[in-house]
Full PDB file with SEQRES, HELIX, SHEET, SSBOND, CRYST1, ORIGX, SCALE, CONECT and MASTER records, all heavy atoms in Angstrom:
SEQRES   1 A   38  TYR GLN VAL LEU ASP GLY VAL GLU ALA PRO ALA LEU LEU          
SEQRES   2 A   38  ILE GLY ASP GLU THR LYS VAL ALA SER ALA ALA LEU ASN          
SEQRES   3 A   38  GLY ASP GLU ASP LEU GLN VAL ARG PRO LEU LEU PRO              
HELIX    1 AA1 GLU A   17  LYS A   19  5                                   3    
SHEET    1 AA1 2 ALA A  23  LEU A  25  0                                        
SHEET    2 AA1 2 ASP A  28  VAL A  33 -1                                        
CRYST1    1.000    1.000    1.000  90.00  90.00  90.00 P 1           1          
ORIGX1      1.000000  0.000000  0.000000        0.00000                         
ORIGX2      0.000000  1.000000  0.000000        0.00000                         
ORIGX3      0.000000  0.000000  1.000000        0.00000                         
SCALE1      1.000000  0.000000  0.000000        0.00000                         
SCALE2      0.000000  1.000000  0.000000        0.00000                         
SCALE3      0.000000  0.000000  1.000000        0.00000                         
ATOM      1  N   TYR A   1       0.823  -1.208   0.000  1.00  0.00           N  
ATOM      2  CA  TYR A   1       0.000   0.000   0.000  1.00  0.00           C  
ATOM      3  C   TYR A   1       0.855   1.255   0.000  1.00  0.00           C  
ATOM      4  O   TYR A   1       1.824   1.358   0.761  1.00  0.00           O  
ATOM      5  CB  TYR A   1      -0.932   0.009   1.211  1.00  0.00           C  
ATOM      6  CG  TYR A   1      -1.878   1.188   1.236  1.00  0.00           C  
ATOM      7  CD1 TYR A   1      -2.868   1.315   0.268  1.00  0.00           C  
ATOM      8  CD2 TYR A   1      -1.772   2.176   2.216  1.00  0.00           C  
ATOM      9  CE1 TYR A   1      -3.734   2.389   0.283  1.00  0.00           C  
ATOM     10  CE2 TYR A   1      -2.639   3.256   2.240  1.00  0.00           C  
ATOM     11  CZ  TYR A   1      -3.619   3.358   1.260  1.00  0.00           C  
ATOM     12  OH  TYR A   1      -4.475   4.434   1.270  1.00  0.00           O  
ATOM     13  N   GLN A   2       0.512   2.220  -0.869  1.00  0.00           N  
ATOM     14  CA  GLN A   2       1.169   3.510  -0.909  1.00  0.00           C  
ATOM     15  C   GLN A   2       0.370   4.499  -0.063  1.00  0.00           C  
ATOM     16  O   GLN A   2      -0.719   4.924  -0.447  1.00  0.00           O  
ATOM     17  CB  GLN A   2       1.274   4.037  -2.341  1.00  0.00           C  
ATOM     18  CG  GLN A   2       2.327   3.359  -3.191  1.00  0.00           C  
ATOM     19  CD  GLN A   2       2.430   4.017  -4.550  1.00  0.00           C  
ATOM     20  OE1 GLN A   2       1.719   3.655  -5.480  1.00  0.00           O  
ATOM     21  NE2 GLN A   2       3.310   4.994  -4.673  1.00  0.00           N  
ATOM     22  N   VAL A   3       0.922   4.862   1.092  1.00  0.00           N  
ATOM     23  CA  VAL A   3       0.239   5.789   2.005  1.00  0.00           C  
ATOM     24  C   VAL A   3       0.139   7.161   1.349  1.00  0.00           C  
ATOM     25  O   VAL A   3       1.072   7.633   0.683  1.00  0.00           O  
ATOM     26  CB  VAL A   3       1.011   5.882   3.333  1.00  0.00           C  
ATOM     27  CG1 VAL A   3       0.387   6.933   4.246  1.00  0.00           C  
ATOM     28  CG2 VAL A   3       1.031   4.512   4.017  1.00  0.00           C  
ATOM     29  N   LEU A   4      -1.004   7.811   1.516  1.00  0.00           N  
ATOM     30  CA  LEU A   4      -1.220   9.166   1.025  1.00  0.00           C  
ATOM     31  C   LEU A   4      -1.498  10.056   2.225  1.00  0.00           C  
ATOM     32  O   LEU A   4      -2.447   9.815   2.985  1.00  0.00           O  
ATOM     33  CB  LEU A   4      -2.402   9.192   0.056  1.00  0.00           C  
ATOM     34  CG  LEU A   4      -2.609  10.468  -0.756  1.00  0.00           C  
ATOM     35  CD1 LEU A   4      -1.412  10.747  -1.646  1.00  0.00           C  
ATOM     36  CD2 LEU A   4      -3.883  10.361  -1.598  1.00  0.00           C  
ATOM     37  N   ASP A   5      -0.668  11.063   2.428  1.00  0.00           N  
ATOM     38  CA  ASP A   5      -0.791  11.942   3.581  1.00  0.00           C  
ATOM     39  C   ASP A   5      -2.195  12.535   3.675  1.00  0.00           C  
ATOM     40  O   ASP A   5      -2.742  13.048   2.688  1.00  0.00           O  
ATOM     41  CB  ASP A   5       0.226  13.083   3.509  1.00  0.00           C  
ATOM     42  CG  ASP A   5       1.654  12.610   3.718  1.00  0.00           C  
ATOM     43  OD1 ASP A   5       1.833  11.488   4.225  1.00  0.00           O  
ATOM     44  OD2 ASP A   5       2.592  13.360   3.371  1.00  0.00           O  
ATOM     45  N   GLY A   6      -2.768  12.439   4.881  1.00  0.00           N  
ATOM     46  CA  GLY A   6      -4.078  13.015   5.125  1.00  0.00           C  
ATOM     47  C   GLY A   6      -5.242  12.176   4.662  1.00  0.00           C  
ATOM     48  O   GLY A   6      -6.400  12.589   4.799  1.00  0.00           O  
ATOM     49  N   VAL A   7      -4.977  10.994   4.115  1.00  0.00           N  
ATOM     50  CA  VAL A   7      -6.044  10.114   3.622  1.00  0.00           C  
ATOM     51  C   VAL A   7      -5.995   8.794   4.381  1.00  0.00           C  
ATOM     52  O   VAL A   7      -4.951   8.147   4.445  1.00  0.00           O  
ATOM     53  CB  VAL A   7      -5.901   9.854   2.105  1.00  0.00           C  
ATOM     54  CG1 VAL A   7      -6.952   8.853   1.627  1.00  0.00           C  
ATOM     55  CG2 VAL A   7      -6.014  11.159   1.331  1.00  0.00           C  
ATOM     56  N   GLU A   8      -7.116   8.404   4.951  1.00  0.00           N  
ATOM     57  CA  GLU A   8      -7.187   7.151   5.704  1.00  0.00           C  
ATOM     58  C   GLU A   8      -7.191   5.965   4.750  1.00  0.00           C  
ATOM     59  O   GLU A   8      -7.837   5.993   3.696  1.00  0.00           O  
ATOM     60  CB  GLU A   8      -8.454   7.137   6.557  1.00  0.00           C  
ATOM     61  CG  GLU A   8      -8.541   5.956   7.502  1.00  0.00           C  
ATOM     62  CD  GLU A   8      -9.736   6.048   8.440  1.00  0.00           C  
ATOM     63  OE1 GLU A   8     -10.374   7.116   8.473  1.00  0.00           O  
ATOM     64  OE2 GLU A   8     -10.029   5.045   9.125  1.00  0.00           O  
ATOM     65  N   ALA A   9      -6.448   4.934   5.103  1.00  0.00           N  
ATOM     66  CA  ALA A   9      -6.373   3.734   4.266  1.00  0.00           C  
ATOM     67  C   ALA A   9      -7.739   3.060   4.164  1.00  0.00           C  
ATOM     68  O   ALA A   9      -8.579   3.187   5.065  1.00  0.00           O  
ATOM     69  CB  ALA A   9      -5.338   2.771   4.831  1.00  0.00           C  
ATOM     70  N   PRO A  10      -7.997   2.338   3.087  1.00  0.00           N  
ATOM     71  CA  PRO A  10      -9.303   1.693   2.905  1.00  0.00           C  
ATOM     72  C   PRO A  10      -9.567   0.609   3.945  1.00  0.00           C  
ATOM     73  O   PRO A  10      -8.649   0.028   4.525  1.00  0.00           O  
ATOM     74  CB  PRO A  10      -9.213   1.072   1.510  1.00  0.00           C  
ATOM     75  CG  PRO A  10      -8.047   1.716   0.854  1.00  0.00           C  
ATOM     76  CD  PRO A  10      -7.106   2.100   1.946  1.00  0.00           C  
ATOM     77  N   ALA A  11     -10.840   0.341   4.149  1.00  0.00           N  
ATOM     78  CA  ALA A  11     -11.280  -0.715   5.054  1.00  0.00           C  
ATOM     79  C   ALA A  11     -11.646  -1.963   4.250  1.00  0.00           C  
ATOM     80  O   ALA A  11     -11.680  -1.944   3.009  1.00  0.00           O  
ATOM     81  CB  ALA A  11     -12.477  -0.237   5.864  1.00  0.00           C  
ATOM     82  N   LEU A  12     -11.914  -3.048   4.950  1.00  0.00           N  
ATOM     83  CA  LEU A  12     -12.369  -4.287   4.328  1.00  0.00           C  
ATOM     84  C   LEU A  12     -13.605  -4.009   3.472  1.00  0.00           C  
ATOM     85  O   LEU A  12     -14.514  -3.282   3.868  1.00  0.00           O  
ATOM     86  CB  LEU A  12     -12.712  -5.305   5.418  1.00  0.00           C  
ATOM     87  CG  LEU A  12     -13.292  -6.643   4.957  1.00  0.00           C  
ATOM     88  CD1 LEU A  12     -12.232  -7.478   4.257  1.00  0.00           C  
ATOM     89  CD2 LEU A  12     -13.873  -7.405   6.153  1.00  0.00           C  
ATOM     90  N   LEU A  13     -13.636  -4.610   2.290  1.00  0.00           N  
ATOM     91  CA  LEU A  13     -14.755  -4.424   1.368  1.00  0.00           C  
ATOM     92  C   LEU A  13     -15.122  -5.775   0.777  1.00  0.00           C  
ATOM     93  O   LEU A  13     -14.257  -6.514   0.306  1.00  0.00           O  
ATOM     94  CB  LEU A  13     -14.380  -3.433   0.275  1.00  0.00           C  
ATOM     95  CG  LEU A  13     -15.451  -3.016  -0.732  1.00  0.00           C  
ATOM     96  CD1 LEU A  13     -15.169  -1.599  -1.243  1.00  0.00           C  
ATOM     97  CD2 LEU A  13     -15.538  -3.979  -1.924  1.00  0.00           C  
ATOM     98  N   ILE A  14     -16.407  -6.091   0.797  1.00  0.00           N  
ATOM     99  CA  ILE A  14     -16.931  -7.333   0.231  1.00  0.00           C  
ATOM    100  C   ILE A  14     -17.927  -6.970  -0.855  1.00  0.00           C  
ATOM    101  O   ILE A  14     -18.768  -6.073  -0.669  1.00  0.00           O  
ATOM    102  CB  ILE A  14     -17.635  -8.192   1.301  1.00  0.00           C  
ATOM    103  CG1 ILE A  14     -16.734  -8.423   2.515  1.00  0.00           C  
ATOM    104  CG2 ILE A  14     -18.095  -9.519   0.692  1.00  0.00           C  
ATOM    105  CD1 ILE A  14     -15.516  -9.255   2.244  1.00  0.00           C  
ATOM    106  N   GLY A  15     -17.861  -7.634  -2.007  1.00  0.00           N  
ATOM    107  CA  GLY A  15     -18.776  -7.303  -3.091  1.00  0.00           C  
ATOM    108  C   GLY A  15     -19.129  -8.483  -3.972  1.00  0.00           C  
ATOM    109  O   GLY A  15     -18.582  -9.578  -3.844  1.00  0.00           O  
ATOM    110  N   ASP A  16     -20.053  -8.230  -4.894  1.00  0.00           N  
ATOM    111  CA  ASP A  16     -20.501  -9.211  -5.888  1.00  0.00           C  
ATOM    112  C   ASP A  16     -20.503  -8.505  -7.234  1.00  0.00           C  
ATOM    113  O   ASP A  16     -21.255  -7.538  -7.435  1.00  0.00           O  
ATOM    114  CB  ASP A  16     -21.900  -9.715  -5.538  1.00  0.00           C  
ATOM    115  CG  ASP A  16     -22.422 -10.775  -6.508  1.00  0.00           C  
ATOM    116  OD1 ASP A  16     -21.926 -10.844  -7.653  1.00  0.00           O  
ATOM    117  OD2 ASP A  16     -23.338 -11.521  -6.122  1.00  0.00           O  
ATOM    118  N   GLU A  17     -19.650  -8.958  -8.146  1.00  0.00           N  
ATOM    119  CA  GLU A  17     -19.496  -8.277  -9.434  1.00  0.00           C  
ATOM    120  C   GLU A  17     -20.800  -8.169 -10.199  1.00  0.00           C  
ATOM    121  O   GLU A  17     -21.054  -7.171 -10.882  1.00  0.00           O  
ATOM    122  CB  GLU A  17     -18.445  -9.020 -10.273  1.00  0.00           C  
ATOM    123  CG  GLU A  17     -18.051  -8.325 -11.572  1.00  0.00           C  
ATOM    124  CD  GLU A  17     -18.738  -8.899 -12.799  1.00  0.00           C  
ATOM    125  OE1 GLU A  17     -19.383  -9.950 -12.661  1.00  0.00           O  
ATOM    126  OE2 GLU A  17     -18.626  -8.288 -13.873  1.00  0.00           O  
ATOM    127  N   THR A  18     -21.674  -9.154 -10.082  1.00  0.00           N  
ATOM    128  CA  THR A  18     -22.930  -9.136 -10.836  1.00  0.00           C  
ATOM    129  C   THR A  18     -23.891  -8.072 -10.327  1.00  0.00           C  
ATOM    130  O   THR A  18     -24.851  -7.717 -11.023  1.00  0.00           O  
ATOM    131  CB  THR A  18     -23.625 -10.508 -10.783  1.00  0.00           C  
ATOM    132  OG1 THR A  18     -23.975 -10.814  -9.417  1.00  0.00           O  
ATOM    133  CG2 THR A  18     -22.725 -11.601 -11.320  1.00  0.00           C  
ATOM    134  N   LYS A  19     -23.643  -7.540  -9.128  1.00  0.00           N  
ATOM    135  CA  LYS A  19     -24.524  -6.508  -8.564  1.00  0.00           C  
ATOM    136  C   LYS A  19     -23.939  -5.098  -8.701  1.00  0.00           C  
ATOM    137  O   LYS A  19     -24.546  -4.128  -8.239  1.00  0.00           O  
ATOM    138  CB  LYS A  19     -24.814  -6.821  -7.098  1.00  0.00           C  
ATOM    139  CG  LYS A  19     -25.572  -8.134  -6.907  1.00  0.00           C  
ATOM    140  CD  LYS A  19     -25.818  -8.440  -5.446  1.00  0.00           C  
ATOM    141  CE  LYS A  19     -26.571  -9.763  -5.283  1.00  0.00           C  
ATOM    142  NZ  LYS A  19     -26.776 -10.119  -3.854  1.00  0.00           N  
ATOM    143  N   VAL A  20     -22.769  -4.988  -9.315  1.00  0.00           N  
ATOM    144  CA  VAL A  20     -22.149  -3.680  -9.530  1.00  0.00           C  
ATOM    145  C   VAL A  20     -22.715  -3.069 -10.807  1.00  0.00           C  
ATOM    146  O   VAL A  20     -22.781  -3.729 -11.847  1.00  0.00           O  
ATOM    147  CB  VAL A  20     -20.619  -3.812  -9.647  1.00  0.00           C  
ATOM    148  CG1 VAL A  20     -19.981  -2.471  -9.986  1.00  0.00           C  
ATOM    149  CG2 VAL A  20     -20.035  -4.365  -8.346  1.00  0.00           C  
ATOM    150  N   ALA A  21     -23.138  -1.814 -10.732  1.00  0.00           N  
ATOM    151  CA  ALA A  21     -23.677  -1.139 -11.907  1.00  0.00           C  
ATOM    152  C   ALA A  21     -22.593  -0.989 -12.962  1.00  0.00           C  
ATOM    153  O   ALA A  21     -21.446  -0.656 -12.649  1.00  0.00           O  
ATOM    154  CB  ALA A  21     -24.225   0.227 -11.512  1.00  0.00           C  
ATOM    155  N   SER A  22     -22.954  -1.243 -14.212  1.00  0.00           N  
ATOM    156  CA  SER A  22     -22.002  -1.092 -15.306  1.00  0.00           C  
ATOM    157  C   SER A  22     -22.249   0.215 -16.034  1.00  0.00           C  
ATOM    158  O   SER A  22     -23.343   0.785 -15.981  1.00  0.00           O  
ATOM    159  CB  SER A  22     -22.101  -2.272 -16.282  1.00  0.00           C  
ATOM    160  OG  SER A  22     -23.361  -2.271 -16.939  1.00  0.00           O  
ATOM    161  N   ALA A  23     -21.213   0.688 -16.731  1.00  0.00           N  
ATOM    162  CA  ALA A  23     -21.308   1.927 -17.496  1.00  0.00           C  
ATOM    163  C   ALA A  23     -20.661   1.721 -18.853  1.00  0.00           C  
ATOM    164  O   ALA A  23     -19.657   1.007 -18.983  1.00  0.00           O  
ATOM    165  CB  ALA A  23     -20.626   3.064 -16.750  1.00  0.00           C  
ATOM    166  N   ALA A  24     -21.219   2.354 -19.863  1.00  0.00           N  
ATOM    167  CA  ALA A  24     -20.657   2.272 -21.206  1.00  0.00           C  
ATOM    168  C   ALA A  24     -19.335   3.028 -21.252  1.00  0.00           C  
ATOM    169  O   ALA A  24     -19.233   4.139 -20.727  1.00  0.00           O  
ATOM    170  CB  ALA A  24     -21.636   2.844 -22.223  1.00  0.00           C  
ATOM    171  N   LEU A  25     -18.327   2.418 -21.857  1.00  0.00           N  
ATOM    172  CA  LEU A  25     -17.032   3.081 -21.985  1.00  0.00           C  
ATOM    173  C   LEU A  25     -17.071   4.052 -23.165  1.00  0.00           C  
ATOM    174  O   LEU A  25     -17.345   3.654 -24.298  1.00  0.00           O  
ATOM    175  CB  LEU A  25     -15.923   2.050 -22.186  1.00  0.00           C  
ATOM    176  CG  LEU A  25     -14.508   2.623 -22.278  1.00  0.00           C  
ATOM    177  CD1 LEU A  25     -14.090   3.251 -20.953  1.00  0.00           C  
ATOM    178  CD2 LEU A  25     -13.504   1.546 -22.685  1.00  0.00           C  
ATOM    179  N   ASN A  26     -16.816   5.324 -22.887  1.00  0.00           N  
ATOM    180  CA  ASN A  26     -16.824   6.363 -23.921  1.00  0.00           C  
ATOM    181  C   ASN A  26     -18.118   6.371 -24.728  1.00  0.00           C  
ATOM    182  O   ASN A  26     -18.119   6.644 -25.935  1.00  0.00           O  
ATOM    183  CB  ASN A  26     -15.621   6.194 -24.856  1.00  0.00           C  
ATOM    184  CG  ASN A  26     -14.300   6.356 -24.135  1.00  0.00           C  
ATOM    185  OD1 ASN A  26     -14.191   7.138 -23.191  1.00  0.00           O  
ATOM    186  ND2 ASN A  26     -13.289   5.614 -24.571  1.00  0.00           N  
ATOM    187  N   GLY A  27     -19.228   6.045 -24.041  1.00  0.00           N  
ATOM    188  CA  GLY A  27     -20.531   6.089 -24.685  1.00  0.00           C  
ATOM    189  C   GLY A  27     -20.876   4.897 -25.546  1.00  0.00           C  
ATOM    190  O   GLY A  27     -21.956   4.857 -26.152  1.00  0.00           O  
ATOM    191  N   ASP A  28     -20.013   3.879 -25.609  1.00  0.00           N  
ATOM    192  CA  ASP A  28     -20.255   2.692 -26.427  1.00  0.00           C  
ATOM    193  C   ASP A  28     -21.006   1.658 -25.596  1.00  0.00           C  
ATOM    194  O   ASP A  28     -20.426   1.021 -24.711  1.00  0.00           O  
ATOM    195  CB  ASP A  28     -18.924   2.123 -26.919  1.00  0.00           C  
ATOM    196  CG  ASP A  28     -19.101   0.961 -27.882  1.00  0.00           C  
ATOM    197  OD1 ASP A  28     -20.229   0.461 -28.034  1.00  0.00           O  
ATOM    198  OD2 ASP A  28     -18.086   0.524 -28.474  1.00  0.00           O  
ATOM    199  N   GLU A  29     -22.293   1.482 -25.872  1.00  0.00           N  
ATOM    200  CA  GLU A  29     -23.117   0.562 -25.091  1.00  0.00           C  
ATOM    201  C   GLU A  29     -22.705  -0.893 -25.267  1.00  0.00           C  
ATOM    202  O   GLU A  29     -23.085  -1.753 -24.464  1.00  0.00           O  
ATOM    203  CB  GLU A  29     -24.601   0.730 -25.473  1.00  0.00           C  
ATOM    204  CG  GLU A  29     -25.186   2.075 -25.103  1.00  0.00           C  
ATOM    205  CD  GLU A  29     -25.227   2.306 -23.588  1.00  0.00           C  
ATOM    206  OE1 GLU A  29     -25.317   1.314 -22.849  1.00  0.00           O  
ATOM    207  OE2 GLU A  29     -25.183   3.478 -23.166  1.00  0.00           O  
ATOM    208  N   ASP A  30     -21.936  -1.200 -26.290  1.00  0.00           N  
ATOM    209  CA  ASP A  30     -21.472  -2.574 -26.522  1.00  0.00           C  
ATOM    210  C   ASP A  30     -20.233  -2.912 -25.709  1.00  0.00           C  
ATOM    211  O   ASP A  30     -19.727  -4.030 -25.769  1.00  0.00           O  
ATOM    212  CB  ASP A  30     -21.173  -2.800 -28.006  1.00  0.00           C  
ATOM    213  CG  ASP A  30     -22.432  -2.802 -28.852  1.00  0.00           C  
ATOM    214  OD1 ASP A  30     -23.526  -3.028 -28.292  1.00  0.00           O  
ATOM    215  OD2 ASP A  30     -22.318  -2.578 -30.069  1.00  0.00           O  
ATOM    216  N   LEU A  31     -19.724  -1.923 -24.957  1.00  0.00           N  
ATOM    217  CA  LEU A  31     -18.529  -2.125 -24.143  1.00  0.00           C  
ATOM    218  C   LEU A  31     -18.826  -1.592 -22.743  1.00  0.00           C  
ATOM    219  O   LEU A  31     -18.915  -0.383 -22.540  1.00  0.00           O  
ATOM    220  CB  LEU A  31     -17.338  -1.385 -24.773  1.00  0.00           C  
ATOM    221  CG  LEU A  31     -15.923  -1.870 -24.452  1.00  0.00           C  
ATOM    222  CD1 LEU A  31     -14.894  -1.083 -25.240  1.00  0.00           C  
ATOM    223  CD2 LEU A  31     -15.602  -1.820 -22.967  1.00  0.00           C  
ATOM    224  N   GLN A  32     -18.999  -2.501 -21.805  1.00  0.00           N  
ATOM    225  CA  GLN A  32     -19.447  -2.143 -20.457  1.00  0.00           C  
ATOM    226  C   GLN A  32     -18.344  -2.379 -19.424  1.00  0.00           C  
ATOM    227  O   GLN A  32     -17.650  -3.393 -19.459  1.00  0.00           O  
ATOM    228  CB  GLN A  32     -20.681  -2.961 -20.066  1.00  0.00           C  
ATOM    229  CG  GLN A  32     -21.901  -2.687 -20.934  1.00  0.00           C  
ATOM    230  CD  GLN A  32     -22.528  -1.340 -20.629  1.00  0.00           C  
ATOM    231  OE1 GLN A  32     -22.611  -0.918 -19.470  1.00  0.00           O  
ATOM    232  NE2 GLN A  32     -22.997  -0.657 -21.668  1.00  0.00           N  
ATOM    233  N   VAL A  33     -18.212  -1.423 -18.504  1.00  0.00           N  
ATOM    234  CA  VAL A  33     -17.197  -1.485 -17.447  1.00  0.00           C  
ATOM    235  C   VAL A  33     -17.889  -1.548 -16.092  1.00  0.00           C  
ATOM    236  O   VAL A  33     -18.810  -0.772 -15.819  1.00  0.00           O  
ATOM    237  CB  VAL A  33     -16.274  -0.245 -17.490  1.00  0.00           C  
ATOM    238  CG1 VAL A  33     -15.212  -0.349 -16.395  1.00  0.00           C  
ATOM    239  CG2 VAL A  33     -15.636  -0.103 -18.853  1.00  0.00           C  
ATOM    240  N   ARG A  34     -17.432  -2.461 -15.244  1.00  0.00           N  
ATOM    241  CA  ARG A  34     -17.896  -2.525 -13.857  1.00  0.00           C  
ATOM    242  C   ARG A  34     -16.709  -2.270 -12.937  1.00  0.00           C  
ATOM    243  O   ARG A  34     -15.785  -3.088 -12.862  1.00  0.00           O  
ATOM    244  CB  ARG A  34     -18.503  -3.891 -13.539  1.00  0.00           C  
ATOM    245  CG  ARG A  34     -19.904  -4.107 -14.091  1.00  0.00           C  
ATOM    246  CD  ARG A  34     -20.524  -5.368 -13.483  1.00  0.00           C  
ATOM    247  NE  ARG A  34     -21.931  -5.477 -13.775  1.00  0.00           N  
ATOM    248  CZ  ARG A  34     -22.457  -6.205 -14.757  1.00  0.00           C  
ATOM    249  NH1 ARG A  34     -21.653  -6.904 -15.545  1.00  0.00           N  
ATOM    250  NH2 ARG A  34     -23.763  -6.253 -14.939  1.00  0.00           N  
ATOM    251  N   PRO A  35     -16.687  -1.144 -12.223  1.00  0.00           N  
ATOM    252  CA  PRO A  35     -15.598  -0.873 -11.268  1.00  0.00           C  
ATOM    253  C   PRO A  35     -15.852  -1.605  -9.955  1.00  0.00           C  
ATOM    254  O   PRO A  35     -16.877  -1.407  -9.308  1.00  0.00           O  
ATOM    255  CB  PRO A  35     -15.674   0.650 -11.090  1.00  0.00           C  
ATOM    256  CG  PRO A  35     -17.115   0.983 -11.348  1.00  0.00           C  
ATOM    257  CD  PRO A  35     -17.625  -0.015 -12.339  1.00  0.00           C  
ATOM    258  N   LEU A  36     -14.918  -2.452  -9.557  1.00  0.00           N  
ATOM    259  CA  LEU A  36     -15.124  -3.277  -8.368  1.00  0.00           C  
ATOM    260  C   LEU A  36     -14.638  -2.602  -7.088  1.00  0.00           C  
ATOM    261  O   LEU A  36     -14.988  -3.054  -5.992  1.00  0.00           O  
ATOM    262  CB  LEU A  36     -14.433  -4.636  -8.544  1.00  0.00           C  
ATOM    263  CG  LEU A  36     -14.836  -5.419  -9.807  1.00  0.00           C  
ATOM    264  CD1 LEU A  36     -14.247  -6.819  -9.767  1.00  0.00           C  
ATOM    265  CD2 LEU A  36     -16.351  -5.469  -9.980  1.00  0.00           C  
ATOM    266  N   LEU A  37     -13.851  -1.545  -7.213  1.00  0.00           N  
ATOM    267  CA  LEU A  37     -13.404  -0.780  -6.049  1.00  0.00           C  
ATOM    268  C   LEU A  37     -13.832   0.676  -6.206  1.00  0.00           C  
ATOM    269  O   LEU A  37     -13.933   1.179  -7.325  1.00  0.00           O  
ATOM    270  CB  LEU A  37     -11.875  -0.851  -5.910  1.00  0.00           C  
ATOM    271  CG  LEU A  37     -11.273  -2.227  -5.629  1.00  0.00           C  
ATOM    272  CD1 LEU A  37      -9.753  -2.143  -5.583  1.00  0.00           C  
ATOM    273  CD2 LEU A  37     -11.811  -2.800  -4.317  1.00  0.00           C  
ATOM    274  N   PRO A  38     -14.078   1.364  -5.093  1.00  0.00           N  
ATOM    275  CA  PRO A  38     -14.444   2.783  -5.176  1.00  0.00           C  
ATOM    276  C   PRO A  38     -13.335   3.597  -5.837  1.00  0.00           C  
ATOM    277  O   PRO A  38     -12.155   3.237  -5.792  1.00  0.00           O  
ATOM    278  CB  PRO A  38     -14.623   3.189  -3.704  1.00  0.00           C  
ATOM    279  CG  PRO A  38     -14.904   1.904  -2.987  1.00  0.00           C  
ATOM    280  CD  PRO A  38     -14.119   0.855  -3.709  1.00  0.00           C  
TER     281      PRO A  38                                                      
MASTER        0    0    0    1    2    0    0    6  280    1    0    3          
END                                                                             
């Protein structure tokens, strides 16, 4: 982990990729991105 001054390190995170909202990359609906981390 690279510490960033003044920023608290992340906490434990549990997720399910199928429940993450997807977004079109550069407006292309045929190419969808799901970000798994904030």
